[in-house]
mmCIF file of all heavy atoms, coordinates in Angstrom:
data_MODEL
# 
_entry.id   MODEL 
# 
loop_
_atom_site.group_PDB 
_atom_site.id 
_atom_site.type_symbol 
_atom_site.label_atom_id 
_atom_site.label_alt_id 
_atom_site.label_comp_id 
_atom_site.label_asym_id 
_atom_site.label_entity_id 
_atom_site.label_seq_id 
_atom_site.pdbx_PDB_ins_code 
_atom_site.Cartn_x 
_atom_site.Cartn_y 
_atom_site.Cartn_z 
_atom_site.occupancy 
_atom_site.B_iso_or_equiv 
_atom_site.pdbx_formal_charge 
_atom_site.auth_seq_id 
_atom_site.auth_comp_id 
_atom_site.auth_asym_id 
_atom_site.auth_atom_id 
_atom_site.pdbx_PDB_model_num 
ATOM 1   N N   . ILE A 1 1  ? 0.831  -1.206 0.000   1.00 0.00 ? 1  ILE A N   1 
ATOM 2   C CA  . ILE A 1 1  ? 0.000  0.000  0.000   1.00 0.00 ? 1  ILE A CA  1 
ATOM 3   C C   . ILE A 1 1  ? 0.868  1.259  0.000   1.00 0.00 ? 1  ILE A C   1 
ATOM 4   O O   . ILE A 1 1  ? 0.581  2.236  -0.704  1.00 0.00 ? 1  ILE A O   1 
ATOM 5   C CB  . ILE A 1 1  ? -0.942 -0.021 1.227   1.00 0.00 ? 1  ILE A CB  1 
ATOM 6   C CG1 . ILE A 1 1  ? -1.969 -1.153 1.085   1.00 0.00 ? 1  ILE A CG1 1 
ATOM 7   C CG2 . ILE A 1 1  ? -1.649 1.317  1.393   1.00 0.00 ? 1  ILE A CG2 1 
ATOM 8   C CD1 . ILE A 1 1  ? -2.809 -1.364 2.323   1.00 0.00 ? 1  ILE A CD1 1 
ATOM 9   N N   . TYR A 1 2  ? 1.948  1.240  0.800   1.00 0.00 ? 2  TYR A N   1 
ATOM 10  C CA  . TYR A 1 2  ? 2.846  2.400  0.828   1.00 0.00 ? 2  TYR A CA  1 
ATOM 11  C C   . TYR A 1 2  ? 3.450  2.667  -0.548  1.00 0.00 ? 2  TYR A C   1 
ATOM 12  O O   . TYR A 1 2  ? 3.503  3.815  -1.003  1.00 0.00 ? 2  TYR A O   1 
ATOM 13  C CB  . TYR A 1 2  ? 3.960  2.176  1.850   1.00 0.00 ? 2  TYR A CB  1 
ATOM 14  C CG  . TYR A 1 2  ? 5.059  3.205  1.750   1.00 0.00 ? 2  TYR A CG  1 
ATOM 15  C CD1 . TYR A 1 2  ? 4.923  4.446  2.343   1.00 0.00 ? 2  TYR A CD1 1 
ATOM 16  C CD2 . TYR A 1 2  ? 6.230  2.943  1.022   1.00 0.00 ? 2  TYR A CD2 1 
ATOM 17  C CE1 . TYR A 1 2  ? 5.923  5.412  2.238   1.00 0.00 ? 2  TYR A CE1 1 
ATOM 18  C CE2 . TYR A 1 2  ? 7.226  3.894  0.914   1.00 0.00 ? 2  TYR A CE2 1 
ATOM 19  C CZ  . TYR A 1 2  ? 7.071  5.126  1.523   1.00 0.00 ? 2  TYR A CZ  1 
ATOM 20  O OH  . TYR A 1 2  ? 8.057  6.077  1.400   1.00 0.00 ? 2  TYR A OH  1 
ATOM 21  N N   . ALA A 1 3  ? 3.921  1.613  -1.209  1.00 0.00 ? 3  ALA A N   1 
ATOM 22  C CA  . ALA A 1 3  ? 4.548  1.786  -2.522  1.00 0.00 ? 3  ALA A CA  1 
ATOM 23  C C   . ALA A 1 3  ? 3.548  2.347  -3.534  1.00 0.00 ? 3  ALA A C   1 
ATOM 24  O O   . ALA A 1 3  ? 3.876  3.254  -4.312  1.00 0.00 ? 3  ALA A O   1 
ATOM 25  C CB  . ALA A 1 3  ? 5.122  0.460  -3.017  1.00 0.00 ? 3  ALA A CB  1 
ATOM 26  N N   . MET A 1 4  ? 2.314  1.841  -3.526  1.00 0.00 ? 4  MET A N   1 
ATOM 27  C CA  . MET A 1 4  ? 1.300  2.336  -4.452  1.00 0.00 ? 4  MET A CA  1 
ATOM 28  C C   . MET A 1 4  ? 0.969  3.801  -4.173  1.00 0.00 ? 4  MET A C   1 
ATOM 29  O O   . MET A 1 4  ? 0.819  4.604  -5.101  1.00 0.00 ? 4  MET A O   1 
ATOM 30  C CB  . MET A 1 4  ? 0.025  1.485  -4.337  1.00 0.00 ? 4  MET A CB  1 
ATOM 31  C CG  . MET A 1 4  ? 0.183  0.066  -4.815  1.00 0.00 ? 4  MET A CG  1 
ATOM 32  S SD  . MET A 1 4  ? 0.570  -0.024 -6.572  1.00 0.00 ? 4  MET A SD  1 
ATOM 33  C CE  . MET A 1 4  ? 1.924  -1.191 -6.542  1.00 0.00 ? 4  MET A CE  1 
ATOM 34  N N   . ALA A 1 5  ? 0.855  4.153  -2.886  1.00 0.00 ? 5  ALA A N   1 
ATOM 35  C CA  . ALA A 1 5  ? 0.557  5.536  -2.527  1.00 0.00 ? 5  ALA A CA  1 
ATOM 36  C C   . ALA A 1 5  ? 1.699  6.467  -2.929  1.00 0.00 ? 5  ALA A C   1 
ATOM 37  O O   . ALA A 1 5  ? 1.459  7.597  -3.406  1.00 0.00 ? 5  ALA A O   1 
ATOM 38  C CB  . ALA A 1 5  ? 0.296  5.638  -1.027  1.00 0.00 ? 5  ALA A CB  1 
ATOM 39  N N   . MET A 1 6  ? 2.937  5.996  -2.783  1.00 0.00 ? 6  MET A N   1 
ATOM 40  C CA  . MET A 1 6  ? 4.087  6.822  -3.150  1.00 0.00 ? 6  MET A CA  1 
ATOM 41  C C   . MET A 1 6  ? 4.113  7.056  -4.655  1.00 0.00 ? 6  MET A C   1 
ATOM 42  O O   . MET A 1 6  ? 4.368  8.178  -5.114  1.00 0.00 ? 6  MET A O   1 
ATOM 43  C CB  . MET A 1 6  ? 5.372  6.119  -2.698  1.00 0.00 ? 6  MET A CB  1 
ATOM 44  C CG  . MET A 1 6  ? 6.596  6.992  -2.742  1.00 0.00 ? 6  MET A CG  1 
ATOM 45  S SD  . MET A 1 6  ? 6.446  8.332  -1.558  1.00 0.00 ? 6  MET A SD  1 
ATOM 46  C CE  . MET A 1 6  ? 7.803  9.374  -2.086  1.00 0.00 ? 6  MET A CE  1 
ATOM 47  N N   . ARG A 1 7  ? 3.846  6.040  -5.440  1.00 0.00 ? 7  ARG A N   1 
ATOM 48  C CA  . ARG A 1 7  ? 3.828  6.191  -6.894  1.00 0.00 ? 7  ARG A CA  1 
ATOM 49  C C   . ARG A 1 7  ? 2.742  7.174  -7.325  1.00 0.00 ? 7  ARG A C   1 
ATOM 50  O O   . ARG A 1 7  ? 2.985  8.057  -8.157  1.00 0.00 ? 7  ARG A O   1 
ATOM 51  C CB  . ARG A 1 7  ? 3.586  4.830  -7.550  1.00 0.00 ? 7  ARG A CB  1 
ATOM 52  C CG  . ARG A 1 7  ? 4.680  3.818  -7.303  1.00 0.00 ? 7  ARG A CG  1 
ATOM 53  C CD  . ARG A 1 7  ? 4.272  2.431  -7.791  1.00 0.00 ? 7  ARG A CD  1 
ATOM 54  N NE  . ARG A 1 7  ? 5.244  1.424  -7.422  1.00 0.00 ? 7  ARG A NE  1 
ATOM 55  C CZ  . ARG A 1 7  ? 5.109  0.125  -7.687  1.00 0.00 ? 7  ARG A CZ  1 
ATOM 56  N NH1 . ARG A 1 7  ? 4.017  -0.304 -8.324  1.00 0.00 ? 7  ARG A NH1 1 
ATOM 57  N NH2 . ARG A 1 7  ? 6.038  -0.734 -7.322  1.00 0.00 ? 7  ARG A NH2 1 
ATOM 58  N N   . LEU A 1 8  ? 1.568  7.029  -6.737  1.00 0.00 ? 8  LEU A N   1 
ATOM 59  C CA  . LEU A 1 8  ? 0.453  7.901  -7.091  1.00 0.00 ? 8  LEU A CA  1 
ATOM 60  C C   . LEU A 1 8  ? 0.756  9.346  -6.713  1.00 0.00 ? 8  LEU A C   1 
ATOM 61  O O   . LEU A 1 8  ? 0.460  10.276 -7.478  1.00 0.00 ? 8  LEU A O   1 
ATOM 62  C CB  . LEU A 1 8  ? -0.820 7.412  -6.385  1.00 0.00 ? 8  LEU A CB  1 
ATOM 63  C CG  . LEU A 1 8  ? -2.138 8.030  -6.833  1.00 0.00 ? 8  LEU A CG  1 
ATOM 64  C CD1 . LEU A 1 8  ? -2.418 7.698  -8.289  1.00 0.00 ? 8  LEU A CD1 1 
ATOM 65  C CD2 . LEU A 1 8  ? -3.275 7.543  -5.951  1.00 0.00 ? 8  LEU A CD2 1 
ATOM 66  N N   . ALA A 1 9  ? 1.352  9.547  -5.542  1.00 0.00 ? 9  ALA A N   1 
ATOM 67  C CA  . ALA A 1 9  ? 1.671  10.903 -5.096  1.00 0.00 ? 9  ALA A CA  1 
ATOM 68  C C   . ALA A 1 9  ? 2.695  11.563 -6.011  1.00 0.00 ? 9  ALA A C   1 
ATOM 69  O O   . ALA A 1 9  ? 2.573  12.752 -6.348  1.00 0.00 ? 9  ALA A O   1 
ATOM 70  C CB  . ALA A 1 9  ? 2.179  10.864 -3.655  1.00 0.00 ? 9  ALA A CB  1 
ATOM 71  N N   . LEU A 1 10 ? 3.716  10.827 -6.407  1.00 0.00 ? 10 LEU A N   1 
ATOM 72  C CA  . LEU A 1 10 ? 4.748  11.400 -7.266  1.00 0.00 ? 10 LEU A CA  1 
ATOM 73  C C   . LEU A 1 10 ? 4.184  11.811 -8.630  1.00 0.00 ? 10 LEU A C   1 
ATOM 74  O O   . LEU A 1 10 ? 4.414  12.930 -9.108  1.00 0.00 ? 10 LEU A O   1 
ATOM 75  C CB  . LEU A 1 10 ? 5.884  10.394 -7.458  1.00 0.00 ? 10 LEU A CB  1 
ATOM 76  C CG  . LEU A 1 10 ? 6.850  10.206 -6.296  1.00 0.00 ? 10 LEU A CG  1 
ATOM 77  C CD1 . LEU A 1 10 ? 7.869  9.117  -6.625  1.00 0.00 ? 10 LEU A CD1 1 
ATOM 78  C CD2 . LEU A 1 10 ? 7.562  11.499 -5.976  1.00 0.00 ? 10 LEU A CD2 1 
ATOM 79  N N   . ILE A 1 11 ? 3.433  10.923 -9.238  1.00 0.00 ? 11 ILE A N   1 
ATOM 80  C CA  . ILE A 1 11 ? 2.926  11.207 -10.586 1.00 0.00 ? 11 ILE A CA  1 
ATOM 81  C C   . ILE A 1 11 ? 1.883  12.315 -10.553 1.00 0.00 ? 11 ILE A C   1 
ATOM 82  O O   . ILE A 1 11 ? 1.932  13.260 -11.361 1.00 0.00 ? 11 ILE A O   1 
ATOM 83  C CB  . ILE A 1 11 ? 2.358  9.919  -11.215 1.00 0.00 ? 11 ILE A CB  1 
ATOM 84  C CG1 . ILE A 1 11 ? 3.480  8.902  -11.404 1.00 0.00 ? 11 ILE A CG1 1 
ATOM 85  C CG2 . ILE A 1 11 ? 1.683  10.218 -12.546 1.00 0.00 ? 11 ILE A CG2 1 
ATOM 86  C CD1 . ILE A 1 11 ? 3.010  7.546  -11.871 1.00 0.00 ? 11 ILE A CD1 1 
ATOM 87  N N   . LEU A 1 12 ? 0.941  12.228 -9.612  1.00 0.00 ? 12 LEU A N   1 
ATOM 88  C CA  . LEU A 1 12 ? -0.085 13.264 -9.529  1.00 0.00 ? 12 LEU A CA  1 
ATOM 89  C C   . LEU A 1 12 ? 0.510  14.613 -9.136  1.00 0.00 ? 12 LEU A C   1 
ATOM 90  O O   . LEU A 1 12 ? 0.062  15.657 -9.623  1.00 0.00 ? 12 LEU A O   1 
ATOM 91  C CB  . LEU A 1 12 ? -1.157 12.848 -8.521  1.00 0.00 ? 12 LEU A CB  1 
ATOM 92  C CG  . LEU A 1 12 ? -2.059 11.677 -8.929  1.00 0.00 ? 12 LEU A CG  1 
ATOM 93  C CD1 . LEU A 1 12 ? -3.100 11.405 -7.855  1.00 0.00 ? 12 LEU A CD1 1 
ATOM 94  C CD2 . LEU A 1 12 ? -2.739 11.968 -10.262 1.00 0.00 ? 12 LEU A CD2 1 
ATOM 95  N N   . GLY A 1 13 ? 1.519  14.601 -8.269  1.00 0.00 ? 13 GLY A N   1 
ATOM 96  C CA  . GLY A 1 13 ? 2.167  15.859 -7.893  1.00 0.00 ? 13 GLY A CA  1 
ATOM 97  C C   . GLY A 1 13 ? 2.849  16.530 -9.071  1.00 0.00 ? 13 GLY A C   1 
ATOM 98  O O   . GLY A 1 13 ? 2.731  17.746 -9.266  1.00 0.00 ? 13 GLY A O   1 
ATOM 99  N N   . PHE A 1 14 ? 3.537  15.737 -9.884  1.00 0.00 ? 14 PHE A N   1 
ATOM 100 C CA  . PHE A 1 14 ? 4.229  16.298 -11.047 1.00 0.00 ? 14 PHE A CA  1 
ATOM 101 C C   . PHE A 1 14 ? 3.221  16.834 -12.066 1.00 0.00 ? 14 PHE A C   1 
ATOM 102 O O   . PHE A 1 14 ? 3.367  17.949 -12.580 1.00 0.00 ? 14 PHE A O   1 
ATOM 103 C CB  . PHE A 1 14 ? 5.111  15.227 -11.675 1.00 0.00 ? 14 PHE A CB  1 
ATOM 104 C CG  . PHE A 1 14 ? 5.926  15.699 -12.843 1.00 0.00 ? 14 PHE A CG  1 
ATOM 105 C CD1 . PHE A 1 14 ? 6.903  16.657 -12.686 1.00 0.00 ? 14 PHE A CD1 1 
ATOM 106 C CD2 . PHE A 1 14 ? 5.715  15.181 -14.118 1.00 0.00 ? 14 PHE A CD2 1 
ATOM 107 C CE1 . PHE A 1 14 ? 7.664  17.096 -13.754 1.00 0.00 ? 14 PHE A CE1 1 
ATOM 108 C CE2 . PHE A 1 14 ? 6.463  15.618 -15.190 1.00 0.00 ? 14 PHE A CE2 1 
ATOM 109 C CZ  . PHE A 1 14 ? 7.435  16.576 -15.004 1.00 0.00 ? 14 PHE A CZ  1 
ATOM 110 N N   . VAL A 1 15 ? 2.181  16.057 -12.347 1.00 0.00 ? 15 VAL A N   1 
ATOM 111 C CA  . VAL A 1 15 ? 1.165  16.487 -13.314 1.00 0.00 ? 15 VAL A CA  1 
ATOM 112 C C   . VAL A 1 15 ? 0.406  17.700 -12.797 1.00 0.00 ? 15 VAL A C   1 
ATOM 113 O O   . VAL A 1 15 ? 0.103  18.639 -13.560 1.00 0.00 ? 15 VAL A O   1 
ATOM 114 C CB  . VAL A 1 15 ? 0.208  15.319 -13.631 1.00 0.00 ? 15 VAL A CB  1 
ATOM 115 C CG1 . VAL A 1 15 ? -0.936 15.789 -14.519 1.00 0.00 ? 15 VAL A CG1 1 
ATOM 116 C CG2 . VAL A 1 15 ? 0.962  14.179 -14.309 1.00 0.00 ? 15 VAL A CG2 1 
ATOM 117 N N   . ALA A 1 16 ? 0.106  17.711 -11.495 1.00 0.00 ? 16 ALA A N   1 
ATOM 118 C CA  . ALA A 1 16 ? -0.626 18.845 -10.923 1.00 0.00 ? 16 ALA A CA  1 
ATOM 119 C C   . ALA A 1 16 ? 0.196  20.128 -11.005 1.00 0.00 ? 16 ALA A C   1 
ATOM 120 O O   . ALA A 1 16 ? -0.352 21.207 -11.295 1.00 0.00 ? 16 ALA A O   1 
ATOM 121 C CB  . ALA A 1 16 ? -0.999 18.545 -9.474  1.00 0.00 ? 16 ALA A CB  1 
ATOM 122 N N   . GLY A 1 17 ? 1.504  20.039 -10.758 1.00 0.00 ? 17 GLY A N   1 
ATOM 123 C CA  . GLY A 1 17 ? 2.343  21.232 -10.857 1.00 0.00 ? 17 GLY A CA  1 
ATOM 124 C C   . GLY A 1 17 ? 2.360  21.804 -12.261 1.00 0.00 ? 17 GLY A C   1 
ATOM 125 O O   . GLY A 1 17 ? 2.260  23.038 -12.452 1.00 0.00 ? 17 GLY A O   1 
ATOM 126 N N   . ILE A 1 18 ? 2.481  20.948 -13.267 1.00 0.00 ? 18 ILE A N   1 
ATOM 127 C CA  . ILE A 1 18 ? 2.466  21.416 -14.652 1.00 0.00 ? 18 ILE A CA  1 
ATOM 128 C C   . ILE A 1 18 ? 1.092  21.977 -15.019 1.00 0.00 ? 18 ILE A C   1 
ATOM 129 O O   . ILE A 1 18 ? 0.981  22.998 -15.714 1.00 0.00 ? 18 ILE A O   1 
ATOM 130 C CB  . ILE A 1 18 ? 2.854  20.270 -15.599 1.00 0.00 ? 18 ILE A CB  1 
ATOM 131 C CG1 . ILE A 1 18 ? 4.296  19.823 -15.329 1.00 0.00 ? 18 ILE A CG1 1 
ATOM 132 C CG2 . ILE A 1 18 ? 2.696  20.690 -17.053 1.00 0.00 ? 18 ILE A CG2 1 
ATOM 133 C CD1 . ILE A 1 18 ? 4.739  18.659 -16.165 1.00 0.00 ? 18 ILE A CD1 1 
ATOM 134 N N   . TYR A 1 19 ? 0.028  21.345 -14.526 1.00 0.00 ? 19 TYR A N   1 
ATOM 135 C CA  . TYR A 1 19 ? -1.331 21.805 -14.825 1.00 0.00 ? 19 TYR A CA  1 
ATOM 136 C C   . TYR A 1 19 ? -1.553 23.211 -14.270 1.00 0.00 ? 19 TYR A C   1 
ATOM 137 O O   . TYR A 1 19 ? -2.156 24.069 -14.931 1.00 0.00 ? 19 TYR A O   1 
ATOM 138 C CB  . TYR A 1 19 ? -2.335 20.831 -14.226 1.00 0.00 ? 19 TYR A CB  1 
ATOM 139 C CG  . TYR A 1 19 ? -3.778 21.221 -14.434 1.00 0.00 ? 19 TYR A CG  1 
ATOM 140 C CD1 . TYR A 1 19 ? -4.404 21.002 -15.657 1.00 0.00 ? 19 TYR A CD1 1 
ATOM 141 C CD2 . TYR A 1 19 ? -4.520 21.805 -13.399 1.00 0.00 ? 19 TYR A CD2 1 
ATOM 142 C CE1 . TYR A 1 19 ? -5.733 21.352 -15.849 1.00 0.00 ? 19 TYR A CE1 1 
ATOM 143 C CE2 . TYR A 1 19 ? -5.845 22.159 -13.580 1.00 0.00 ? 19 TYR A CE2 1 
ATOM 144 C CZ  . TYR A 1 19 ? -6.442 21.935 -14.812 1.00 0.00 ? 19 TYR A CZ  1 
ATOM 145 O OH  . TYR A 1 19 ? -7.742 22.302 -15.006 1.00 0.00 ? 19 TYR A OH  1 
ATOM 146 N N   . VAL A 1 20 ? -1.078 23.467 -13.060 1.00 0.00 ? 20 VAL A N   1 
ATOM 147 C CA  . VAL A 1 20 ? -1.217 24.800 -12.464 1.00 0.00 ? 20 VAL A CA  1 
ATOM 148 C C   . VAL A 1 20 ? -0.461 25.836 -13.282 1.00 0.00 ? 20 VAL A C   1 
ATOM 149 O O   . VAL A 1 20 ? -0.950 26.949 -13.528 1.00 0.00 ? 20 VAL A O   1 
ATOM 150 C CB  . VAL A 1 20 ? -0.734 24.773 -11.002 1.00 0.00 ? 20 VAL A CB  1 
ATOM 151 C CG1 . VAL A 1 20 ? -0.645 26.186 -10.431 1.00 0.00 ? 20 VAL A CG1 1 
ATOM 152 C CG2 . VAL A 1 20 ? -1.663 23.926 -10.151 1.00 0.00 ? 20 VAL A CG2 1 
ATOM 153 N N   . LYS A 1 21 ? 0.738  25.485 -13.732 1.00 0.00 ? 21 LYS A N   1 
ATOM 154 C CA  . LYS A 1 21 ? 1.526  26.415 -14.541 1.00 0.00 ? 21 LYS A CA  1 
ATOM 155 C C   . LYS A 1 21 ? 0.822  26.745 -15.855 1.00 0.00 ? 21 LYS A C   1 
ATOM 156 O O   . LYS A 1 21 ? 0.790  27.899 -16.293 1.00 0.00 ? 21 LYS A O   1 
ATOM 157 C CB  . LYS A 1 21 ? 2.900  25.808 -14.839 1.00 0.00 ? 21 LYS A CB  1 
ATOM 158 C CG  . LYS A 1 21 ? 3.830  25.714 -13.656 1.00 0.00 ? 21 LYS A CG  1 
ATOM 159 C CD  . LYS A 1 21 ? 4.324  27.072 -13.233 1.00 0.00 ? 21 LYS A CD  1 
ATOM 160 C CE  . LYS A 1 21 ? 5.369  26.957 -12.125 1.00 0.00 ? 21 LYS A CE  1 
ATOM 161 N NZ  . LYS A 1 21 ? 5.788  28.276 -11.622 1.00 0.00 ? 21 LYS A NZ  1 
ATOM 162 N N   . LEU A 1 22 ? 0.266  25.742 -16.502 1.00 0.00 ? 22 LEU A N   1 
ATOM 163 C CA  . LEU A 1 22 ? -0.372 25.968 -17.803 1.00 0.00 ? 22 LEU A CA  1 
ATOM 164 C C   . LEU A 1 22 ? -1.666 26.759 -17.672 1.00 0.00 ? 22 LEU A C   1 
ATOM 165 O O   . LEU A 1 22 ? -2.017 27.529 -18.582 1.00 0.00 ? 22 LEU A O   1 
ATOM 166 C CB  . LEU A 1 22 ? -0.644 24.625 -18.483 1.00 0.00 ? 22 LEU A CB  1 
ATOM 167 C CG  . LEU A 1 22 ? 0.577  23.816 -18.924 1.00 0.00 ? 22 LEU A CG  1 
ATOM 168 C CD1 . LEU A 1 22 ? 0.163  22.463 -19.467 1.00 0.00 ? 22 LEU A CD1 1 
ATOM 169 C CD2 . LEU A 1 22 ? 1.380  24.583 -19.976 1.00 0.00 ? 22 LEU A CD2 1 
ATOM 170 N N   . ASN A 1 23 ? -2.383 26.597 -16.589 1.00 0.00 ? 23 ASN A N   1 
ATOM 171 C CA  . ASN A 1 23 ? -3.680 27.255 -16.443 1.00 0.00 ? 23 ASN A CA  1 
ATOM 172 C C   . ASN A 1 23 ? -3.564 28.698 -15.977 1.00 0.00 ? 23 ASN A C   1 
ATOM 173 O O   . ASN A 1 23 ? -4.519 29.463 -16.118 1.00 0.00 ? 23 ASN A O   1 
ATOM 174 C CB  . ASN A 1 23 ? -4.564 26.482 -15.460 1.00 0.00 ? 23 ASN A CB  1 
ATOM 175 C CG  . ASN A 1 23 ? -5.273 25.320 -16.140 1.00 0.00 ? 23 ASN A CG  1 
ATOM 176 O OD1 . ASN A 1 23 ? -5.128 25.122 -17.340 1.00 0.00 ? 23 ASN A OD1 1 
ATOM 177 N ND2 . ASN A 1 23 ? -6.031 24.558 -15.372 1.00 0.00 ? 23 ASN A ND2 1 
ATOM 178 N N   . ASP A 1 24 ? -2.461 29.064 -15.403 1.00 0.00 ? 24 ASP A N   1 
ATOM 179 C CA  . ASP A 1 24 ? -2.269 30.450 -14.975 1.00 0.00 ? 24 ASP A CA  1 
ATOM 180 C C   . ASP A 1 24 ? -1.547 31.224 -16.078 1.00 0.00 ? 24 ASP A C   1 
ATOM 181 O O   . ASP A 1 24 ? -0.411 30.891 -16.425 1.00 0.00 ? 24 ASP A O   1 
ATOM 182 C CB  . ASP A 1 24 ? -1.447 30.495 -13.690 1.00 0.00 ? 24 ASP A CB  1 
ATOM 183 C CG  . ASP A 1 24 ? -1.389 31.890 -13.095 1.00 0.00 ? 24 ASP A CG  1 
ATOM 184 O OD1 . ASP A 1 24 ? -0.613 32.722 -13.615 1.00 0.00 ? 24 ASP A OD1 1 
ATOM 185 O OD2 . ASP A 1 24 ? -2.129 32.142 -12.125 1.00 0.00 ? 24 ASP A OD2 1 
ATOM 186 N N   . PRO A 1 25 ? -2.169 32.249 -16.676 1.00 0.00 ? 25 PRO A N   1 
ATOM 187 C CA  . PRO A 1 25 ? -1.546 32.968 -17.812 1.00 0.00 ? 25 PRO A CA  1 
ATOM 188 C C   . PRO A 1 25 ? -0.205 33.593 -17.457 1.00 0.00 ? 25 PRO A C   1 
ATOM 189 O O   . PRO A 1 25 ? 0.736  33.551 -18.251 1.00 0.00 ? 25 PRO A O   1 
ATOM 190 C CB  . PRO A 1 25 ? -2.587 34.041 -18.162 1.00 0.00 ? 25 PRO A CB  1 
ATOM 191 C CG  . PRO A 1 25 ? -3.881 33.504 -17.615 1.00 0.00 ? 25 PRO A CG  1 
ATOM 192 C CD  . PRO A 1 25 ? -3.522 32.747 -16.393 1.00 0.00 ? 25 PRO A CD  1 
ATOM 193 N N   . GLN A 1 26 ? -0.100 34.158 -16.265 1.00 0.00 ? 26 GLN A N   1 
ATOM 194 C CA  . GLN A 1 26 ? 1.145  34.822 -15.884 1.00 0.00 ? 26 GLN A CA  1 
ATOM 195 C C   . GLN A 1 26 ? 2.282  33.825 -15.722 1.00 0.00 ? 26 GLN A C   1 
ATOM 196 O O   . GLN A 1 26 ? 3.385  34.033 -16.241 1.00 0.00 ? 26 GLN A O   1 
ATOM 197 C CB  . GLN A 1 26 ? 0.933  35.602 -14.584 1.00 0.00 ? 26 GLN A CB  1 
ATOM 198 C CG  . GLN A 1 26 ? 2.157  36.411 -14.147 1.00 0.00 ? 26 GLN A CG  1 
ATOM 199 C CD  . GLN A 1 26 ? 1.906  37.173 -12.865 1.00 0.00 ? 26 GLN A CD  1 
ATOM 200 O OE1 . GLN A 1 26 ? 0.814  37.095 -12.300 1.00 0.00 ? 26 GLN A OE1 1 
ATOM 201 N NE2 . GLN A 1 26 ? 2.909  37.897 -12.405 1.00 0.00 ? 26 GLN A NE2 1 
# 
């Protein structure tokens, strides 16, 4: 369970950071 949660956190964190950058015009 820990390994699965760690994988999910890493991938979602990276994608979420890029998504925030793309959605903010500035």
